N, C-alpha and C. Protein backbone atom coordinates (compact mmCIF):
# COMPACT_ATOMS: atom_id res chain seq x y z
N MET A 1 -18.66 -3.63 -0.16
CA MET A 1 -17.28 -4.46 -0.67
C MET A 1 -17.65 -5.30 -1.54
N ASN A 2 -18.81 -6.11 -1.78
CA ASN A 2 -18.94 -6.84 -2.73
C ASN A 2 -19.31 -6.09 -3.98
N ASP A 3 -19.95 -4.88 -3.97
CA ASP A 3 -20.11 -3.99 -5.23
C ASP A 3 -18.73 -3.79 -5.62
N ALA A 4 -18.12 -3.47 -4.80
CA ALA A 4 -16.62 -2.65 -4.93
C ALA A 4 -15.86 -4.06 -5.58
N ALA A 5 -15.68 -5.18 -4.95
CA ALA A 5 -14.78 -6.14 -5.79
C ALA A 5 -15.36 -6.57 -7.08
N VAL A 6 -16.48 -6.31 -7.42
CA VAL A 6 -17.00 -6.65 -8.81
C VAL A 6 -16.71 -5.60 -9.71
N VAL A 7 -16.41 -4.33 -9.02
CA VAL A 7 -16.12 -3.24 -9.90
C VAL A 7 -14.73 -3.65 -10.28
N CYS A 8 -13.60 -3.71 -9.44
CA CYS A 8 -12.39 -3.90 -9.63
C CYS A 8 -11.81 -4.79 -10.32
N ARG A 9 -12.61 -5.95 -10.36
CA ARG A 9 -12.44 -7.36 -10.95
C ARG A 9 -12.90 -6.81 -12.22
N GLU A 10 -13.58 -6.06 -12.82
CA GLU A 10 -14.44 -5.87 -14.10
C GLU A 10 -13.17 -4.58 -14.79
N LEU A 11 -12.56 -4.25 -14.02
CA LEU A 11 -11.96 -2.96 -14.62
C LEU A 11 -10.44 -3.44 -14.84
N GLY A 12 -10.10 -4.79 -14.13
CA GLY A 12 -8.58 -5.48 -14.08
C GLY A 12 -7.83 -4.63 -13.26
N CYS A 13 -8.27 -3.90 -12.09
CA CYS A 13 -7.55 -3.08 -10.90
C CYS A 13 -7.05 -3.96 -10.09
N GLY A 14 -7.41 -5.44 -9.90
CA GLY A 14 -6.76 -5.96 -8.77
C GLY A 14 -7.95 -6.15 -7.67
N LYS A 15 -7.94 -6.28 -6.54
CA LYS A 15 -8.95 -6.60 -5.56
C LYS A 15 -9.31 -5.01 -5.00
N ALA A 16 -10.41 -5.24 -4.43
CA ALA A 16 -10.89 -4.26 -3.72
C ALA A 16 -10.42 -4.04 -2.09
N VAL A 17 -9.93 -2.74 -2.15
CA VAL A 17 -9.15 -2.39 -0.91
C VAL A 17 -10.45 -1.83 0.30
N SER A 18 -11.16 -0.63 -0.45
CA SER A 18 -12.30 -0.38 0.34
C SER A 18 -13.17 0.06 -0.93
N ALA A 19 -14.72 0.65 -0.09
CA ALA A 19 -15.46 1.08 -0.89
C ALA A 19 -15.94 2.62 -0.12
N LEU A 20 -16.05 3.66 -0.76
CA LEU A 20 -16.19 4.93 -0.60
C LEU A 20 -17.53 5.62 -0.58
N HIS A 21 -18.00 6.33 0.13
CA HIS A 21 -19.46 6.64 0.11
C HIS A 21 -19.63 7.81 -0.94
N THR A 22 -18.39 8.31 -0.97
CA THR A 22 -18.11 9.30 -2.29
C THR A 22 -17.06 9.03 -3.45
N SER A 23 -17.44 9.93 -4.27
CA SER A 23 -16.54 9.31 -5.52
C SER A 23 -15.33 10.54 -5.62
N LEU A 24 -14.15 10.31 -6.31
CA LEU A 24 -13.10 11.01 -6.22
C LEU A 24 -13.96 12.29 -7.50
N GLU A 25 -14.37 11.92 -8.06
CA GLU A 25 -15.03 12.97 -9.51
C GLU A 25 -16.57 12.82 -9.40
N GLN A 26 -17.25 14.07 -9.90
CA GLN A 26 -18.39 13.93 -10.22
C GLN A 26 -18.68 13.77 -11.81
N GLY A 27 -19.59 12.82 -11.95
CA GLY A 27 -19.75 12.13 -13.44
C GLY A 27 -20.85 13.43 -14.20
N ARG A 28 -21.08 13.27 -15.44
CA ARG A 28 -22.33 14.18 -16.38
C ARG A 28 -22.98 13.18 -16.76
N GLY A 29 -23.95 13.69 -17.25
CA GLY A 29 -24.92 12.77 -18.40
C GLY A 29 -26.13 12.12 -17.58
N LEU A 30 -26.82 10.95 -18.10
CA LEU A 30 -28.06 10.30 -17.68
C LEU A 30 -27.47 8.84 -16.92
N ILE A 31 -27.98 9.11 -15.90
CA ILE A 31 -27.77 7.60 -15.01
C ILE A 31 -28.94 6.73 -15.44
N LEU A 32 -28.05 5.81 -16.06
CA LEU A 32 -28.78 4.65 -16.32
C LEU A 32 -29.00 3.46 -15.28
N LEU A 33 -28.45 3.24 -14.37
CA LEU A 33 -28.49 2.04 -13.12
C LEU A 33 -28.23 2.57 -11.85
N ARG A 34 -28.81 2.26 -10.79
CA ARG A 34 -28.66 2.42 -9.61
C ARG A 34 -28.99 1.27 -8.61
N ASP A 35 -28.63 1.55 -7.40
CA ASP A 35 -28.61 0.92 -6.25
C ASP A 35 -27.93 -0.61 -6.79
N PHE A 36 -26.91 -0.89 -7.00
CA PHE A 36 -26.41 -2.42 -7.29
C PHE A 36 -26.16 -2.87 -5.87
N ASN A 37 -26.93 -4.50 -6.01
CA ASN A 37 -26.52 -5.36 -4.95
C ASN A 37 -26.05 -6.62 -5.54
N CYS A 38 -24.39 -6.79 -5.39
CA CYS A 38 -23.78 -7.99 -5.74
C CYS A 38 -23.10 -8.71 -4.70
N PHE A 39 -23.17 -9.89 -5.21
CA PHE A 39 -22.80 -10.94 -4.21
C PHE A 39 -21.32 -11.00 -3.87
N GLY A 40 -20.80 -10.40 -5.12
CA GLY A 40 -18.88 -10.43 -5.00
C GLY A 40 -18.20 -11.24 -5.83
N GLY A 41 -19.13 -12.29 -6.42
CA GLY A 41 -18.59 -13.39 -7.45
C GLY A 41 -18.65 -12.97 -9.05
N GLU A 42 -19.67 -11.95 -9.14
CA GLU A 42 -19.80 -11.79 -10.66
C GLU A 42 -18.62 -11.20 -11.05
N SER A 43 -18.51 -11.38 -12.59
CA SER A 43 -17.09 -10.94 -13.27
C SER A 43 -17.39 -9.33 -14.09
N ALA A 44 -19.05 -8.81 -13.73
CA ALA A 44 -19.03 -7.82 -14.24
C ALA A 44 -20.18 -6.95 -13.25
N ILE A 45 -20.15 -5.74 -13.45
CA ILE A 45 -21.61 -4.93 -12.45
C ILE A 45 -22.80 -5.39 -13.18
N SER A 46 -23.09 -5.33 -14.18
CA SER A 46 -23.98 -6.17 -15.11
C SER A 46 -24.88 -7.08 -15.01
N GLU A 47 -24.02 -8.08 -14.38
CA GLU A 47 -24.45 -9.25 -13.65
C GLU A 47 -25.31 -9.14 -12.20
N CYS A 48 -24.87 -7.96 -11.77
CA CYS A 48 -25.49 -7.66 -10.39
C CYS A 48 -26.76 -7.40 -10.26
N PHE A 49 -27.62 -7.50 -9.35
CA PHE A 49 -29.00 -6.95 -9.17
C PHE A 49 -28.77 -5.82 -9.08
N TYR A 50 -29.98 -4.92 -9.85
CA TYR A 50 -30.04 -3.30 -10.12
C TYR A 50 -31.30 -2.88 -10.41
N LYS A 51 -31.28 -1.56 -9.89
CA LYS A 51 -32.74 -0.89 -10.23
C LYS A 51 -32.28 -0.15 -11.75
N GLU A 52 -33.41 -0.25 -12.79
CA GLU A 52 -33.08 0.70 -13.68
C GLU A 52 -33.63 2.16 -13.67
N SER A 53 -33.36 3.06 -13.91
CA SER A 53 -33.07 4.49 -13.69
C SER A 53 -34.00 5.34 -14.74
N GLU A 54 -35.02 4.71 -14.84
CA GLU A 54 -35.97 5.93 -16.07
C GLU A 54 -36.40 7.05 -15.01
N SER A 55 -36.77 6.79 -13.81
CA SER A 55 -37.15 7.92 -13.13
C SER A 55 -36.77 7.48 -11.42
N HIS A 56 -35.90 8.46 -10.90
CA HIS A 56 -35.37 8.02 -9.85
C HIS A 56 -35.15 9.41 -9.48
N ASN A 57 -34.51 9.37 -8.04
CA ASN A 57 -34.07 10.65 -7.26
C ASN A 57 -32.83 10.38 -7.21
N CYS A 58 -32.10 9.77 -7.87
CA CYS A 58 -30.46 9.87 -7.77
C CYS A 58 -30.13 11.17 -8.17
N SER A 59 -28.55 11.68 -8.03
CA SER A 59 -28.31 12.75 -8.76
C SER A 59 -26.91 12.50 -9.05
N HIS A 60 -26.33 13.15 -9.61
CA HIS A 60 -24.44 12.93 -9.92
C HIS A 60 -23.68 13.21 -8.47
N GLY A 61 -24.46 13.76 -7.48
CA GLY A 61 -23.67 14.07 -6.21
C GLY A 61 -23.92 12.62 -5.18
N LYS A 62 -24.52 11.67 -5.74
CA LYS A 62 -24.78 10.35 -4.97
C LYS A 62 -24.05 9.59 -5.16
N TYR A 63 -22.98 9.83 -6.23
CA TYR A 63 -21.89 8.68 -6.81
C TYR A 63 -21.55 8.22 -5.34
N ALA A 64 -20.77 6.94 -5.52
CA ALA A 64 -19.85 6.21 -4.55
C ALA A 64 -18.73 5.54 -5.53
N GLY A 65 -17.61 5.68 -4.51
CA GLY A 65 -16.43 4.89 -5.57
C GLY A 65 -15.72 3.95 -4.71
N VAL A 66 -14.53 3.47 -5.50
CA VAL A 66 -13.91 2.14 -4.72
C VAL A 66 -12.27 2.40 -4.96
N VAL A 67 -11.73 1.90 -3.98
CA VAL A 67 -10.05 1.79 -4.12
C VAL A 67 -10.00 0.60 -4.45
N CYS A 68 -9.16 0.18 -5.17
CA CYS A 68 -8.71 -1.15 -5.84
C CYS A 68 -7.09 -1.03 -5.69
N SER A 69 -6.70 -2.38 -5.70
CA SER A 69 -5.36 -2.60 -4.95
C SER A 69 -4.44 -2.38 -6.31
N GLY A 70 -5.04 -2.40 -7.56
CA GLY A 70 -3.89 -2.34 -8.75
C GLY A 70 -3.05 -3.39 -8.48
N ASP A 71 -2.21 -3.69 -9.47
CA ASP A 71 -1.28 -4.48 -9.66
C ASP A 71 0.01 -4.26 -8.43
N LEU A 72 0.00 -4.76 -7.22
CA LEU A 72 0.88 -4.34 -6.48
C LEU A 72 2.01 -4.71 -6.39
N GLN A 73 3.01 -3.82 -7.14
CA GLN A 73 4.43 -4.12 -7.58
C GLN A 73 5.18 -3.78 -6.03
N SER A 74 6.38 -4.79 -6.37
CA SER A 74 7.45 -4.65 -5.27
C SER A 74 7.90 -3.17 -5.13
N PRO A 75 7.90 -2.63 -3.76
CA PRO A 75 8.51 -1.36 -3.30
C PRO A 75 10.17 -1.36 -3.34
N MET A 76 10.88 -0.54 -3.41
CA MET A 76 11.87 -0.16 -3.34
C MET A 76 12.74 0.10 -1.83
N LEU A 77 13.63 -0.44 -1.80
CA LEU A 77 14.32 -0.04 -0.52
C LEU A 77 15.75 0.55 -0.71
N PHE A 78 16.13 1.39 -0.12
CA PHE A 78 17.38 2.38 -0.45
C PHE A 78 17.62 2.44 1.14
N LEU A 79 18.84 2.65 1.19
CA LEU A 79 19.73 2.68 2.58
C LEU A 79 20.44 3.85 2.59
N ASN A 80 19.94 4.63 3.64
CA ASN A 80 20.40 6.36 3.18
C ASN A 80 21.56 6.77 4.33
N SER A 81 22.16 6.07 4.74
CA SER A 81 23.48 6.27 5.96
C SER A 81 24.52 5.38 6.13
N SER A 82 25.19 5.51 7.02
CA SER A 82 26.61 4.65 7.40
C SER A 82 26.22 3.41 8.00
N GLN A 83 27.16 2.85 8.52
CA GLN A 83 26.51 1.29 9.30
C GLN A 83 27.80 1.03 10.32
N PHE A 84 27.90 2.22 11.18
CA PHE A 84 28.79 2.30 11.81
C PHE A 84 27.97 2.37 13.20
N VAL A 85 28.83 1.10 14.21
CA VAL A 85 27.94 1.25 15.82
C VAL A 85 27.69 2.39 16.24
N GLY A 86 26.50 2.59 16.63
CA GLY A 86 26.22 3.59 17.51
C GLY A 86 25.54 5.02 16.61
N GLU A 87 25.29 4.89 15.34
CA GLU A 87 25.07 5.70 14.13
C GLU A 87 23.54 5.35 13.68
N ALA A 88 23.04 6.32 13.24
CA ALA A 88 21.60 6.16 13.02
C ALA A 88 21.56 5.51 11.62
N VAL A 89 20.98 4.49 11.33
CA VAL A 89 21.00 3.83 9.67
C VAL A 89 19.24 4.29 9.34
N GLN A 90 19.22 4.79 8.11
CA GLN A 90 17.84 4.83 7.57
C GLN A 90 17.73 3.89 6.53
N PHE A 91 16.52 3.60 6.48
CA PHE A 91 15.88 2.64 5.14
C PHE A 91 15.24 3.66 4.84
N ARG A 92 14.90 3.67 3.27
CA ARG A 92 13.63 4.37 2.81
C ARG A 92 12.68 3.38 1.67
N CYS A 93 11.88 3.10 2.17
CA CYS A 93 11.19 2.11 1.56
C CYS A 93 9.84 3.08 0.44
N ILE A 94 10.01 2.73 -0.69
CA ILE A 94 8.66 3.54 -1.48
C ILE A 94 8.29 2.70 -2.44
N ALA A 95 6.72 2.97 -2.15
CA ALA A 95 5.84 2.25 -3.17
C ALA A 95 5.99 2.55 -4.96
N PRO A 96 6.14 1.77 -5.64
CA PRO A 96 6.29 1.97 -7.27
C PRO A 96 5.14 3.19 -7.81
N PHE A 97 4.27 3.38 -6.84
CA PHE A 97 3.11 4.48 -7.45
C PHE A 97 2.44 5.27 -6.39
N PRO A 98 2.13 6.41 -6.15
CA PRO A 98 1.30 6.86 -5.43
C PRO A 98 0.55 6.29 -4.89
N THR A 99 0.37 5.65 -3.34
CA THR A 99 -1.11 4.93 -2.85
C THR A 99 -2.33 6.04 -2.81
N CYS A 100 -2.31 7.43 -2.33
CA CYS A 100 -3.35 8.21 -2.10
C CYS A 100 -3.97 8.13 -1.01
N ILE A 101 -3.91 6.54 -0.22
CA ILE A 101 -4.46 6.27 0.96
C ILE A 101 -3.25 5.80 1.72
N PRO A 102 -3.43 6.00 2.97
CA PRO A 102 -2.72 5.46 4.12
C PRO A 102 -2.45 4.00 3.90
N VAL A 103 -0.87 3.48 4.06
CA VAL A 103 -0.76 2.25 3.91
C VAL A 103 0.24 1.79 5.00
N ASP A 104 0.38 0.34 5.11
CA ASP A 104 1.35 0.03 6.11
C ASP A 104 2.63 -0.58 5.47
N PHE A 105 3.35 0.13 6.17
CA PHE A 105 4.95 -0.17 5.44
C PHE A 105 5.53 -0.89 6.46
N LYS A 106 6.17 -2.32 6.09
CA LYS A 106 6.70 -3.11 7.06
C LYS A 106 8.31 -3.53 6.72
N LEU A 107 9.24 -3.15 7.70
CA LEU A 107 10.78 -3.87 7.24
C LEU A 107 11.07 -4.97 8.04
N TYR A 108 11.73 -5.80 7.35
CA TYR A 108 12.10 -7.03 7.36
C TYR A 108 13.58 -6.96 7.96
N ARG A 109 14.37 -7.92 8.90
CA ARG A 109 15.61 -8.26 8.57
C ARG A 109 15.60 -9.74 8.69
N ASN A 110 16.50 -10.22 8.12
CA ASN A 110 16.57 -11.62 7.70
C ASN A 110 15.22 -11.96 7.72
N GLY A 111 13.86 -11.89 6.98
CA GLY A 111 12.70 -12.11 6.91
C GLY A 111 11.91 -12.17 7.81
N GLU A 112 12.04 -11.23 8.95
CA GLU A 112 11.41 -11.13 10.16
C GLU A 112 10.98 -9.72 10.38
N SER A 113 10.12 -9.61 10.56
CA SER A 113 9.09 -8.21 10.38
C SER A 113 9.75 -7.63 11.69
N ILE A 114 10.37 -6.23 11.72
CA ILE A 114 11.10 -6.08 13.24
C ILE A 114 10.24 -4.53 13.17
N LYS A 115 9.93 -3.49 12.09
CA LYS A 115 9.08 -2.47 12.18
C LYS A 115 8.11 -2.08 11.48
N THR A 116 6.77 -1.38 11.76
CA THR A 116 5.72 -1.31 10.77
C THR A 116 5.36 0.68 11.04
N GLN A 117 5.40 1.05 9.76
CA GLN A 117 5.04 2.64 9.77
C GLN A 117 3.79 2.48 8.80
N THR A 118 3.21 3.67 9.25
CA THR A 118 2.06 3.53 8.07
C THR A 118 2.14 5.10 7.27
N ALA A 119 2.06 5.24 6.19
CA ALA A 119 2.22 6.43 5.01
C ALA A 119 1.51 6.33 4.21
N GLU A 120 1.61 7.27 3.30
CA GLU A 120 1.37 7.50 2.21
C GLU A 120 2.64 7.23 0.95
N PHE A 121 2.60 6.58 -0.04
CA PHE A 121 3.58 6.45 -0.97
C PHE A 121 5.17 5.95 -0.29
N SER A 122 5.23 6.50 0.70
CA SER A 122 7.12 6.04 1.44
C SER A 122 6.91 6.48 2.30
N THR A 123 8.10 5.82 3.32
CA THR A 123 8.20 5.95 4.62
C THR A 123 9.90 5.90 4.84
N THR A 124 10.28 6.31 5.43
CA THR A 124 12.05 6.13 6.23
C THR A 124 11.74 5.72 7.77
N PHE A 125 12.49 4.33 7.64
CA PHE A 125 12.56 3.58 9.16
C PHE A 125 14.17 4.31 9.78
N ASN A 126 13.95 4.04 11.05
CA ASN A 126 15.25 4.50 11.43
C ASN A 126 15.74 3.85 12.58
N LEU A 127 16.98 3.24 12.30
CA LEU A 127 17.47 2.52 13.57
C LEU A 127 18.86 3.13 14.05
N THR A 128 18.97 2.94 15.46
CA THR A 128 20.41 3.24 15.95
C THR A 128 21.44 1.72 15.76
N VAL A 129 22.30 1.91 14.92
CA VAL A 129 22.96 0.31 14.67
C VAL A 129 23.80 -0.09 15.87
N ASP A 130 23.74 -1.21 16.19
CA ASP A 130 24.74 -2.08 16.98
C ASP A 130 24.55 -3.18 16.32
N SER A 131 25.23 -4.47 16.65
CA SER A 131 25.69 -5.89 16.17
C SER A 131 24.67 -6.50 15.81
N SER A 132 23.81 -6.46 16.41
CA SER A 132 22.42 -7.23 16.31
C SER A 132 21.79 -6.87 14.96
N HIS A 133 22.01 -5.59 14.46
CA HIS A 133 21.00 -4.84 13.12
C HIS A 133 22.14 -5.47 11.92
N GLN A 134 22.95 -6.34 12.14
CA GLN A 134 23.84 -6.92 10.72
C GLN A 134 22.73 -7.83 10.23
N GLY A 135 22.71 -7.66 8.76
CA GLY A 135 21.80 -8.73 8.05
C GLY A 135 21.40 -8.41 6.76
N GLN A 136 19.78 -8.73 6.23
CA GLN A 136 19.38 -8.82 4.87
C GLN A 136 18.06 -7.97 5.50
N TYR A 137 17.96 -6.54 4.58
CA TYR A 137 16.84 -5.88 4.98
C TYR A 137 15.99 -5.91 3.70
N SER A 138 14.54 -6.18 4.18
CA SER A 138 13.95 -5.58 2.73
C SER A 138 12.35 -5.20 3.41
N CYS A 139 11.51 -4.51 2.57
CA CYS A 139 10.50 -4.15 3.15
C CYS A 139 9.03 -4.45 2.09
N ASP A 140 7.88 -4.11 2.62
CA ASP A 140 6.52 -4.56 1.63
C ASP A 140 5.63 -3.55 1.97
N TYR A 141 4.44 -3.39 1.66
CA TYR A 141 3.34 -2.33 2.14
C TYR A 141 2.03 -3.25 1.71
N SER A 142 1.22 -2.93 3.02
CA SER A 142 -0.09 -3.42 2.65
C SER A 142 -1.17 -2.35 2.77
N PHE A 143 -2.38 -2.86 2.07
CA PHE A 143 -3.30 -1.56 2.16
C PHE A 143 -4.58 -1.84 3.45
N GLN A 144 -4.58 -0.66 4.04
CA GLN A 144 -5.63 -0.80 5.30
C GLN A 144 -6.94 -0.72 4.42
N GLY A 145 -7.97 -1.48 5.24
CA GLY A 145 -9.29 -1.61 4.45
C GLY A 145 -9.74 -2.85 5.00
N ASN A 146 -10.80 -3.00 4.30
CA ASN A 146 -11.88 -4.17 4.82
C ASN A 146 -11.20 -5.27 4.52
N SER A 147 -9.98 -5.43 3.77
CA SER A 147 -9.34 -6.43 3.29
C SER A 147 -8.04 -6.44 3.13
N SER A 148 -7.31 -7.20 3.65
CA SER A 148 -5.99 -7.36 3.50
C SER A 148 -5.11 -7.89 2.15
N ILE A 149 -4.32 -6.36 1.84
CA ILE A 149 -3.56 -6.99 0.39
C ILE A 149 -2.28 -6.73 0.51
N THR A 150 -1.52 -7.14 0.38
CA THR A 150 0.10 -7.24 0.79
C THR A 150 0.90 -7.20 -0.82
N SER A 151 1.84 -6.29 -0.82
CA SER A 151 2.68 -6.51 -1.91
C SER A 151 3.70 -7.60 -1.74
N SER A 152 4.10 -7.92 -2.59
CA SER A 152 5.56 -8.77 -2.85
C SER A 152 6.49 -8.04 -1.81
N LYS A 153 7.88 -8.71 -1.88
CA LYS A 153 8.71 -7.93 -1.00
C LYS A 153 9.95 -7.11 -1.67
N SER A 154 10.51 -6.04 -1.25
CA SER A 154 11.20 -5.14 -1.98
C SER A 154 12.64 -5.97 -2.44
N ASN A 155 13.70 -5.02 -3.09
CA ASN A 155 14.81 -5.47 -3.21
C ASN A 155 15.40 -5.72 -1.67
N SER A 156 16.59 -6.47 -1.61
CA SER A 156 17.11 -6.79 -0.34
C SER A 156 18.56 -5.97 -0.17
N VAL A 157 18.77 -5.18 0.97
CA VAL A 157 19.93 -4.43 1.30
C VAL A 157 20.48 -5.18 2.64
N ASP A 158 21.68 -5.36 2.23
CA ASP A 158 22.58 -5.93 3.29
C ASP A 158 23.49 -4.91 4.02
N ILE A 159 23.30 -4.98 5.34
CA ILE A 159 24.39 -4.09 6.15
C ILE A 159 25.22 -5.18 7.10
N THR A 160 26.27 -4.59 7.02
CA THR A 160 27.41 -5.25 7.71
C THR A 160 27.63 -3.83 8.83
N VAL A 161 27.56 -4.37 10.20
CA VAL A 161 27.92 -3.44 11.17
C VAL A 161 29.66 -3.48 11.31
N VAL A 162 29.86 -2.05 11.34
CA VAL A 162 31.49 -1.99 11.72
C VAL A 162 31.66 -1.22 12.81
N THR A 163 32.61 -1.69 13.87
CA THR A 163 32.85 -0.99 14.95
C THR A 163 34.23 -0.48 14.63
N PRO A 164 33.87 1.24 14.90
CA PRO A 164 35.34 2.18 14.37
C PRO A 164 36.28 1.82 15.37
N HIS A 165 37.66 1.74 14.74
CA HIS A 165 38.88 1.77 15.09
C HIS A 165 39.49 2.80 15.50
N TYR A 166 39.85 3.37 16.78
CA TYR A 166 40.76 4.65 16.62
C TYR A 166 41.84 4.18 17.05
N LEU A 167 43.25 5.33 16.55
CA LEU A 167 44.54 5.18 16.48
C LEU A 167 44.90 6.34 17.34
N TRP A 168 45.25 6.27 18.69
CA TRP A 168 45.56 7.35 19.42
C TRP A 168 47.03 7.45 19.16
N MET A 169 47.97 8.61 19.11
CA MET A 169 49.38 9.18 18.87
C MET A 169 49.75 9.74 20.14
N GLY A 170 50.62 9.39 20.82
CA GLY A 170 50.93 10.38 22.00
C GLY A 170 52.75 11.13 21.39
N THR A 171 52.46 12.12 22.10
CA THR A 171 53.82 12.60 22.40
C THR A 171 54.71 12.45 23.49
């Protein structure tokens, strides 16, 4: 994770979320450096201890990869249904970019976390509405991994719970 932290910092991609034992893509060409050993505070990978690779047993299949947090922008929250007592209400929380790895989405009512779900990119929270569900809702997401990185909260969605009234007409 120390190596990953330095790579993410040097690339300007946020904090390291996880270090992968494989890379998403295979490279080509000459391998110049190998076996990095960073403390984690370096500003560039070239500041870490490493072995030069004039003769080595490295191959392009031995790459490692990192997942960086990027700029954790706020997700968007949408209300997908009605607000009548006894009916299902759905909140859809969508990250601003594909996360490619599972993240924990949290739904908040009046600032208090009420549900957590793990998904990639977006999730739908389902509630059966009663009067206790009235309030202001928002969501956020956090990366799973060796470090905890959480986005800022989404836009707010207010719901007012309505009790339906029935009018009976007799003859």
